[in-house]
Each structure stands twice: as structure tokens, then as C-alpha cells.
Amino acid sequence: MSSKLLENRAPRVARRLVLFAGLLLLARPGQRAPASENVPHRPFAQWADVPEHGQFVVGALYEESEAYHIWTGSQSHNVTVKAGGERYGIDVNQGYFALQYGLTERWAADLNIGGTTVGWRYFSNGKIQETTGLMDTCFGVRYQLFNEAKANSLWTPTLTFRAGAVLPGTFRKDFAFAPGTRSAAIEPELLGANTSAGRVWVSMRTACFAGTAPAPTTNT
């Protein structure tokens, strides 16, 4: 399909996708989840901006966290283990590549893939326990509805719709303090930004989970 034909069909397709996303955001019931997602997304609704036509953008992100105390109910517990002159708690290290490509002036595609590892010692009497694998991978396409840089009004935001999907990673989802749920999902999303009041980012996202993937098998 040519870029010109894609641009001609874009407004009609985008309106339908935005309507679908809005219905999902309004109709999705609140629910409790046993764990949180850990899908690699660019922070602060940065996906509201799209690359130039034909532009390829590569980003790399690294995240690290350490927890030395946990809460059970109203009680705090110290889970620190000292070994070799170092302190160890519940340690999370992960990083991912964020790839984007400008399909047209308004359309863009993105792929985010990386690895994660979580380890702790306290709950196994000082013996290292860990899980390492690919993070949940996300990819999608975006259509920029409005671009504040090209608008006549100062208050017109940059507004972009994203249709995304999530594929499960390879870490052990049943591992205590696992880095996510290893779920497959679709993610309709609206992202907005406006510089009239500095730089304000807004993201409205819902995930329709198709279910969690079975734990990978390992040989011991």
C-alpha cells in the first residue's frame, strides 16, 4: 500500500480506532490483579510524537531497583542479606531497546524488546534465587491526530492514537517478586502533549489481556 493511499484512508481509520479505544476505556470494569504488568513503554507519553517520514529512531533504556524492606499488612520486614561486604535485598535489573520508524508524516511503527532479571537471598537462607529472561515485548502502530507545532491555536495539543499488542516474555512468572505477569494483550491508547503550560504529557491506556503464558520449562 502506497504512502499516499495510507494517508487518504488514515483519518477514517483513526476515528474508528479512537472510538473503539474510548469504549474500551469506559467499559472496562475495575478489577484486582495478583501482579503488575512490566511492559516496556516510553515514559511520559513520549509516543505522542512521531518520527519524520522515513526516519528510524533507536533508544536504549536501563532500569535498576533494590528493595531492602517489604510490607505485609501493616508490618514492615527487613529482607536485607549481607554477603561479601555488600547488601542484597530484592534486586531488579532490566533494559530494553525502543525502536521507531516513521511510515508517513502521521503514521509510525514501534517495537520495544529487552531483558530482565530479579534476584533475592533472604527467603532462601542466603542462597541466591533468580529468574532471568526476555521482558514482555510490545509493538504497535501510531497515528498522530493533531500536531501542536502545526496547529493555529496555542491550546491545540499533540494527540496520537496507538494500537499496540504485548507478547509474553520468557522469565518465570511464578517466581516470587517476578517482573511482570507474562501476559499476551492488545493495548489501545491515546497519548497527548501540550507545551503551552510547559510540557504536559497525558496517556490513557487500557490493556485487554488474552491470558497469561505458561511458565517456560527448564532442565535441572
C-alpha atoms as a PDB file:
ATOM      1  CA  MET A   1       0.000   0.000   0.000  1.00  0.00           C
ATOM      2  CA  SER A   2       1.426   3.386  -1.006  1.00  0.00           C
ATOM      3  CA  SER A   3       2.048   6.203   1.474  1.00  0.00           C
ATOM      4  CA  LYS A   4      -0.466   8.432  -0.340  1.00  0.00           C
ATOM      5  CA  LEU A   5      -3.236   5.834  -0.140  1.00  0.00           C
ATOM      6  CA  LEU A   6      -2.414   5.236   3.524  1.00  0.00           C
ATOM      7  CA  GLU A   7      -2.702   8.951   4.282  1.00  0.00           C
ATOM      8  CA  ASN A   8      -6.048   9.209   2.450  1.00  0.00           C
ATOM      9  CA  ARG A   9      -7.530   6.392   4.496  1.00  0.00           C
ATOM     10  CA  ALA A  10      -5.886   7.435   7.768  1.00  0.00           C
ATOM     11  CA  PRO A  11      -8.479   9.898   9.157  1.00  0.00           C
ATOM     12  CA  ARG A  12     -11.371   7.454   8.711  1.00  0.00           C
ATOM     13  CA  VAL A  13      -9.429   4.540  10.175  1.00  0.00           C
ATOM     14  CA  ALA A  14      -8.117   6.650  13.054  1.00  0.00           C
ATOM     15  CA  ARG A  15     -11.596   7.874  14.015  1.00  0.00           C
ATOM     16  CA  ARG A  16     -12.847   4.302  14.234  1.00  0.00           C
ATOM     17  CA  LEU A  17      -9.843   3.218  16.282  1.00  0.00           C
ATOM     18  CA  VAL A  18     -10.216   6.162  18.680  1.00  0.00           C
ATOM     19  CA  LEU A  19     -13.921   5.383  19.137  1.00  0.00           C
ATOM     20  CA  PHE A  20     -13.071   1.741  19.850  1.00  0.00           C
ATOM     21  CA  ALA A  21     -10.380   2.746  22.349  1.00  0.00           C
ATOM     22  CA  GLY A  22     -12.728   5.146  24.103  1.00  0.00           C
ATOM     23  CA  LEU A  23     -15.361   2.456  24.509  1.00  0.00           C
ATOM     24  CA  LEU A  24     -12.785   0.097  25.981  1.00  0.00           C
ATOM     25  CA  LEU A  25     -11.526   2.746  28.391  1.00  0.00           C
ATOM     26  CA  LEU A  26     -15.055   3.491  29.593  1.00  0.00           C
ATOM     27  CA  ALA A  27     -16.432  -0.036  29.630  1.00  0.00           C
ATOM     28  CA  ARG A  28     -13.539  -1.915  31.164  1.00  0.00           C
ATOM     29  CA  PRO A  29     -14.544  -2.822  34.737  1.00  0.00           C
ATOM     30  CA  GLY A  30     -12.218  -2.261  37.639  1.00  0.00           C
ATOM     31  CA  GLN A  31     -10.537  -5.422  38.815  1.00  0.00           C
ATOM     32  CA  ARG A  32      -7.897  -6.595  41.220  1.00  0.00           C
ATOM     33  CA  ALA A  33      -4.779  -8.152  39.769  1.00  0.00           C
ATOM     34  CA  PRO A  34      -2.369 -10.544  41.511  1.00  0.00           C
ATOM     35  CA  ALA A  35       0.654  -8.773  39.986  1.00  0.00           C
ATOM     36  CA  SER A  36       1.523  -5.767  37.917  1.00  0.00           C
ATOM     37  CA  GLU A  37       2.499  -5.574  34.275  1.00  0.00           C
ATOM     38  CA  ASN A  38       6.058  -4.802  33.261  1.00  0.00           C
ATOM     39  CA  VAL A  39       5.714  -3.832  29.612  1.00  0.00           C
ATOM     40  CA  PRO A  40       8.488  -1.671  28.102  1.00  0.00           C
ATOM     41  CA  HIS A  41       6.869   1.660  27.224  1.00  0.00           C
ATOM     42  CA  ARG A  42       8.498   5.009  26.578  1.00  0.00           C
ATOM     43  CA  PRO A  43       7.656   7.164  29.646  1.00  0.00           C
ATOM     44  CA  PHE A  44       5.600  10.363  29.883  1.00  0.00           C
ATOM     45  CA  ALA A  45       3.533   9.717  26.735  1.00  0.00           C
ATOM     46  CA  GLN A  46       6.548  10.376  24.519  1.00  0.00           C
ATOM     47  CA  TRP A  47       4.840   8.298  21.827  1.00  0.00           C
ATOM     48  CA  ALA A  48       2.576  11.287  21.181  1.00  0.00           C
ATOM     49  CA  ASP A  49       5.379  12.489  18.907  1.00  0.00           C
ATOM     50  CA  VAL A  50       6.052  10.502  15.739  1.00  0.00           C
ATOM     51  CA  PRO A  51       9.305  10.292  13.728  1.00  0.00           C
ATOM     52  CA  GLU A  52       9.660  12.050  10.400  1.00  0.00           C
ATOM     53  CA  HIS A  53       8.651  10.099   7.312  1.00  0.00           C
ATOM     54  CA  GLY A  54      11.387   7.519   6.686  1.00  0.00           C
ATOM     55  CA  GLN A  55      13.188   8.278   9.942  1.00  0.00           C
ATOM     56  CA  PHE A  56      14.429   5.376  12.083  1.00  0.00           C
ATOM     57  CA  VAL A  57      14.832   6.102  15.809  1.00  0.00           C
ATOM     58  CA  VAL A  58      16.682   3.836  18.248  1.00  0.00           C
ATOM     59  CA  GLY A  59      16.637   4.304  22.020  1.00  0.00           C
ATOM     60  CA  ALA A  60      18.044   2.270  24.898  1.00  0.00           C
ATOM     61  CA  LEU A  61      16.719   2.344  28.462  1.00  0.00           C
ATOM     62  CA  TYR A  62      18.078   0.742  31.638  1.00  0.00           C
ATOM     63  CA  GLU A  63      16.275   0.418  34.960  1.00  0.00           C
ATOM     64  CA  GLU A  64      17.568  -0.763  38.331  1.00  0.00           C
ATOM     65  CA  SER A  65      15.893  -1.055  41.713  1.00  0.00           C
ATOM     66  CA  GLU A  66      16.680  -2.517  45.119  1.00  0.00           C
ATOM     67  CA  ALA A  67      14.221  -3.165  47.940  1.00  0.00           C
ATOM     68  CA  TYR A  68      15.509  -3.897  51.450  1.00  0.00           C
ATOM     69  CA  HIS A  69      12.154  -3.825  53.237  1.00  0.00           C
ATOM     70  CA  ILE A  70       8.735  -5.219  52.384  1.00  0.00           C
ATOM     71  CA  TRP A  71       5.309  -4.703  53.920  1.00  0.00           C
ATOM     72  CA  THR A  72       2.851  -7.456  54.863  1.00  0.00           C
ATOM     73  CA  GLY A  73      -0.325  -5.826  56.047  1.00  0.00           C
ATOM     74  CA  SER A  74       0.739  -3.070  58.420  1.00  0.00           C
ATOM     75  CA  GLN A  75       4.101  -4.622  59.326  1.00  0.00           C
ATOM     76  CA  SER A  76       7.475  -3.832  57.776  1.00  0.00           C
ATOM     77  CA  HIS A  77      10.066  -6.598  57.363  1.00  0.00           C
ATOM     78  CA  ASN A  78      13.772  -6.219  56.714  1.00  0.00           C
ATOM     79  CA  VAL A  79      14.830  -8.557  53.878  1.00  0.00           C
ATOM     80  CA  THR A  80      18.461  -7.453  53.707  1.00  0.00           C
ATOM     81  CA  VAL A  81      21.229 -10.048  53.450  1.00  0.00           C
ATOM     82  CA  LYS A  82      24.895  -9.077  53.910  1.00  0.00           C
ATOM     83  CA  ALA A  83      27.482 -11.076  51.992  1.00  0.00           C
ATOM     84  CA  GLY A  84      30.999 -10.237  50.863  1.00  0.00           C
ATOM     85  CA  GLY A  85      30.747  -6.749  52.262  1.00  0.00           C
ATOM     86  CA  GLU A  86      27.647  -5.999  50.159  1.00  0.00           C
ATOM     87  CA  ARG A  87      23.960  -5.636  50.977  1.00  0.00           C
ATOM     88  CA  TYR A  88      21.389  -7.590  48.984  1.00  0.00           C
ATOM     89  CA  GLY A  89      17.625  -7.231  49.025  1.00  0.00           C
ATOM     90  CA  ILE A  90      15.156  -7.823  46.204  1.00  0.00           C
ATOM     91  CA  ASP A  91      17.144  -6.662  43.190  1.00  0.00           C
ATOM     92  CA  VAL A  92      15.678  -5.887  39.770  1.00  0.00           C
ATOM     93  CA  ASN A  93      17.779  -5.047  36.707  1.00  0.00           C
ATOM     94  CA  GLN A  94      16.362  -4.663  33.242  1.00  0.00           C
ATOM     95  CA  GLY A  95      16.878  -2.829  29.997  1.00  0.00           C
ATOM     96  CA  TYR A  96      15.298  -2.627  26.584  1.00  0.00           C
ATOM     97  CA  PHE A  97      15.663  -1.166  23.108  1.00  0.00           C
ATOM     98  CA  ALA A  98      12.951   1.221  21.894  1.00  0.00           C
ATOM     99  CA  LEU A  99      12.699   1.254  18.096  1.00  0.00           C
ATOM    100  CA  GLN A 100      10.509   3.566  15.991  1.00  0.00           C
ATOM    101  CA  TYR A 101      10.050   4.154  12.279  1.00  0.00           C
ATOM    102  CA  GLY A 102       8.128   6.899  10.506  1.00  0.00           C
ATOM    103  CA  LEU A 103       5.846   5.235   7.948  1.00  0.00           C
ATOM    104  CA  THR A 104       4.347   8.539   6.749  1.00  0.00           C
ATOM    105  CA  GLU A 105       4.012  12.065   8.098  1.00  0.00           C
ATOM    106  CA  ARG A 106       1.387  10.881  10.612  1.00  0.00           C
ATOM    107  CA  TRP A 107       1.892   7.113  10.883  1.00  0.00           C
ATOM    108  CA  ALA A 108       4.671   5.393  12.849  1.00  0.00           C
ATOM    109  CA  ALA A 109       5.519   1.861  13.963  1.00  0.00           C
ATOM    110  CA  ASP A 110       7.302   0.909  17.176  1.00  0.00           C
ATOM    111  CA  LEU A 111       8.913  -2.149  18.760  1.00  0.00           C
ATOM    112  CA  ASN A 112      10.246  -2.442  22.315  1.00  0.00           C
ATOM    113  CA  ILE A 113      12.222  -5.509  23.361  1.00  0.00           C
ATOM    114  CA  GLY A 114      14.614  -6.213  26.208  1.00  0.00           C
ATOM    115  CA  GLY A 115      15.669  -8.425  29.092  1.00  0.00           C
ATOM    116  CA  THR A 116      15.043  -8.527  32.832  1.00  0.00           C
ATOM    117  CA  THR A 117      16.421 -10.274  35.904  1.00  0.00           C
ATOM    118  CA  VAL A 118      15.189 -10.428  39.502  1.00  0.00           C
ATOM    119  CA  GLY A 119      17.035 -11.991  42.411  1.00  0.00           C
ATOM    120  CA  TRP A 120      16.929 -12.278  46.197  1.00  0.00           C
ATOM    121  CA  ARG A 121      18.605 -14.214  49.028  1.00  0.00           C
ATOM    122  CA  TYR A 122      16.614 -13.539  52.194  1.00  0.00           C
ATOM    123  CA  PHE A 123      13.856 -16.116  51.605  1.00  0.00           C
ATOM    124  CA  SER A 124      16.302 -18.971  50.889  1.00  0.00           C
ATOM    125  CA  ASN A 125      18.669 -18.544  53.848  1.00  0.00           C
ATOM    126  CA  GLY A 126      21.210 -16.577  51.843  1.00  0.00           C
ATOM    127  CA  LYS A 127      21.217 -18.773  48.735  1.00  0.00           C
ATOM    128  CA  ILE A 128      20.785 -16.808  45.502  1.00  0.00           C
ATOM    129  CA  GLN A 129      17.430 -17.294  43.779  1.00  0.00           C
ATOM    130  CA  GLU A 130      16.735 -15.546  40.499  1.00  0.00           C
ATOM    131  CA  THR A 131      14.830 -15.522  37.228  1.00  0.00           C
ATOM    132  CA  THR A 132      16.188 -14.057  34.010  1.00  0.00           C
ATOM    133  CA  GLY A 133      14.665 -13.770  30.560  1.00  0.00           C
ATOM    134  CA  LEU A 134      13.082 -11.552  27.964  1.00  0.00           C
ATOM    135  CA  MET A 135      10.679  -8.899  29.156  1.00  0.00           C
ATOM    136  CA  ASP A 136       7.163  -8.849  27.775  1.00  0.00           C
ATOM    137  CA  THR A 137       7.618  -7.420  24.271  1.00  0.00           C
ATOM    138  CA  CYS A 138       5.342  -4.699  22.942  1.00  0.00           C
ATOM    139  CA  PHE A 139       4.843  -3.373  19.435  1.00  0.00           C
ATOM    140  CA  GLY A 140       2.289  -1.196  17.707  1.00  0.00           C
ATOM    141  CA  VAL A 141       1.373   1.457  15.172  1.00  0.00           C
ATOM    142  CA  ARG A 142       0.526   5.093  15.908  1.00  0.00           C
ATOM    143  CA  TYR A 143      -1.488   7.730  14.085  1.00  0.00           C
ATOM    144  CA  GLN A 144      -0.998  11.389  15.013  1.00  0.00           C
ATOM    145  CA  LEU A 145      -4.402  13.076  15.054  1.00  0.00           C
ATOM    146  CA  PHE A 146      -3.134  16.581  15.894  1.00  0.00           C
ATOM    147  CA  ASN A 147       0.296  18.205  15.940  1.00  0.00           C
ATOM    148  CA  GLU A 148       0.540  21.316  18.127  1.00  0.00           C
ATOM    149  CA  ALA A 149       3.502  22.600  16.101  1.00  0.00           C
ATOM    150  CA  LYS A 150       1.283  22.829  13.002  1.00  0.00           C
ATOM    151  CA  ALA A 151      -1.925  23.992  14.681  1.00  0.00           C
ATOM    152  CA  ASN A 152      -3.391  27.504  14.525  1.00  0.00           C
ATOM    153  CA  SER A 153      -4.470  27.515  18.168  1.00  0.00           C
ATOM    154  CA  LEU A 154      -1.995  27.725  21.035  1.00  0.00           C
ATOM    155  CA  TRP A 155      -4.107  25.272  23.033  1.00  0.00           C
ATOM    156  CA  THR A 156      -4.303  22.537  20.389  1.00  0.00           C
ATOM    157  CA  PRO A 157      -2.420  19.546  21.778  1.00  0.00           C
ATOM    158  CA  THR A 158      -0.359  16.905  20.079  1.00  0.00           C
ATOM    159  CA  LEU A 159      -2.713  13.912  20.169  1.00  0.00           C
ATOM    160  CA  THR A 160      -1.850  10.436  18.940  1.00  0.00           C
ATOM    161  CA  PHE A 161      -3.699   7.139  18.899  1.00  0.00           C
ATOM    162  CA  ARG A 162      -1.719   3.916  19.306  1.00  0.00           C
ATOM    163  CA  ALA A 163      -2.896   0.370  18.607  1.00  0.00           C
ATOM    164  CA  GLY A 164      -0.467  -1.963  20.332  1.00  0.00           C
ATOM    165  CA  ALA A 165      -0.003  -5.568  21.358  1.00  0.00           C
ATOM    166  CA  VAL A 166       2.018  -7.405  24.004  1.00  0.00           C
ATOM    167  CA  LEU A 167       3.757 -10.767  23.698  1.00  0.00           C
ATOM    168  CA  PRO A 168       4.805 -12.670  26.854  1.00  0.00           C
ATOM    169  CA  GLY A 169       8.430 -12.773  27.952  1.00  0.00           C
ATOM    170  CA  THR A 170      10.473 -15.781  28.995  1.00  0.00           C
ATOM    171  CA  PHE A 171      11.063 -15.161  32.720  1.00  0.00           C
ATOM    172  CA  ARG A 172       9.373 -17.333  35.368  1.00  0.00           C
ATOM    173  CA  LYS A 173       6.026 -15.742  36.151  1.00  0.00           C
ATOM    174  CA  ASP A 174       5.583 -17.947  39.257  1.00  0.00           C
ATOM    175  CA  PHE A 175       8.828 -16.660  40.783  1.00  0.00           C
ATOM    176  CA  ALA A 176       8.309 -14.597  43.948  1.00  0.00           C
ATOM    177  CA  PHE A 177       8.502 -10.886  43.038  1.00  0.00           C
ATOM    178  CA  ALA A 178       8.590 -11.785  39.339  1.00  0.00           C
ATOM    179  CA  PRO A 179       8.990  -8.797  36.989  1.00  0.00           C
ATOM    180  CA  GLY A 180       5.511  -8.976  35.464  1.00  0.00           C
ATOM    181  CA  THR A 181       2.757 -11.411  34.565  1.00  0.00           C
ATOM    182  CA  ARG A 182       3.909 -12.825  31.189  1.00  0.00           C
ATOM    183  CA  SER A 183       0.625 -11.936  29.512  1.00  0.00           C
ATOM    184  CA  ALA A 184      -0.493 -11.501  25.922  1.00  0.00           C
ATOM    185  CA  ALA A 185      -2.618  -8.405  25.355  1.00  0.00           C
ATOM    186  CA  ILE A 186      -3.843  -5.725  22.975  1.00  0.00           C
ATOM    187  CA  GLU A 187      -3.409  -2.093  24.040  1.00  0.00           C
ATOM    188  CA  PRO A 188      -5.468   0.749  22.559  1.00  0.00           C
ATOM    189  CA  GLU A 189      -4.011   4.029  23.790  1.00  0.00           C
ATOM    190  CA  LEU A 190      -4.449   7.793  23.465  1.00  0.00           C
ATOM    191  CA  LEU A 191      -1.390   9.967  24.091  1.00  0.00           C
ATOM    192  CA  GLY A 192      -1.385  13.738  24.360  1.00  0.00           C
ATOM    193  CA  ALA A 193       1.116  16.519  24.917  1.00  0.00           C
ATOM    194  CA  ASN A 194       0.990  20.321  25.044  1.00  0.00           C
ATOM    195  CA  THR A 195       3.734  22.901  25.584  1.00  0.00           C
ATOM    196  CA  SER A 196       1.529  25.920  26.316  1.00  0.00           C
ATOM    197  CA  ALA A 197       1.887  25.176  30.048  1.00  0.00           C
ATOM    198  CA  GLY A 198       5.458  23.939  29.899  1.00  0.00           C
ATOM    199  CA  ARG A 199       5.344  20.318  28.729  1.00  0.00           C
ATOM    200  CA  VAL A 200       2.302  18.367  29.811  1.00  0.00           C
ATOM    201  CA  TRP A 201       2.001  14.697  28.930  1.00  0.00           C
ATOM    202  CA  VAL A 202      -1.216  12.674  29.184  1.00  0.00           C
ATOM    203  CA  SER A 203      -1.690   8.989  28.467  1.00  0.00           C
ATOM    204  CA  MET A 204      -4.951   6.993  28.532  1.00  0.00           C
ATOM    205  CA  ARG A 205      -4.362   3.288  28.106  1.00  0.00           C
ATOM    206  CA  THR A 206      -6.211   0.047  28.688  1.00  0.00           C
ATOM    207  CA  ALA A 207      -4.983  -3.483  28.179  1.00  0.00           C
ATOM    208  CA  CYS A 208      -7.232  -6.333  27.079  1.00  0.00           C
ATOM    209  CA  PHE A 209      -5.401  -9.403  28.299  1.00  0.00           C
ATOM    210  CA  ALA A 210      -5.820 -12.630  26.382  1.00  0.00           C
ATOM    211  CA  GLY A 211      -4.346 -14.653  29.235  1.00  0.00           C
ATOM    212  CA  THR A 212      -1.002 -15.466  30.782  1.00  0.00           C
ATOM    213  CA  ALA A 213       1.503 -17.697  29.079  1.00  0.00           C
ATOM    214  CA  PRO A 214       2.592 -20.981  30.672  1.00  0.00           C
ATOM    215  CA  ALA A 215       5.882 -20.928  32.516  1.00  0.00           C
ATOM    216  CA  PRO A 216       8.884 -21.936  30.385  1.00  0.00           C
ATOM    217  CA  THR A 217      10.290 -25.377  31.076  1.00  0.00           C
ATOM    218  CA  THR A 218      13.837 -25.753  32.350  1.00  0.00           C
ATOM    219  CA  ASN A 219      16.102 -28.747  32.770  1.00  0.00           C
ATOM    220  CA  THR A 220      17.650 -29.248  36.181  1.00  0.00           C
END
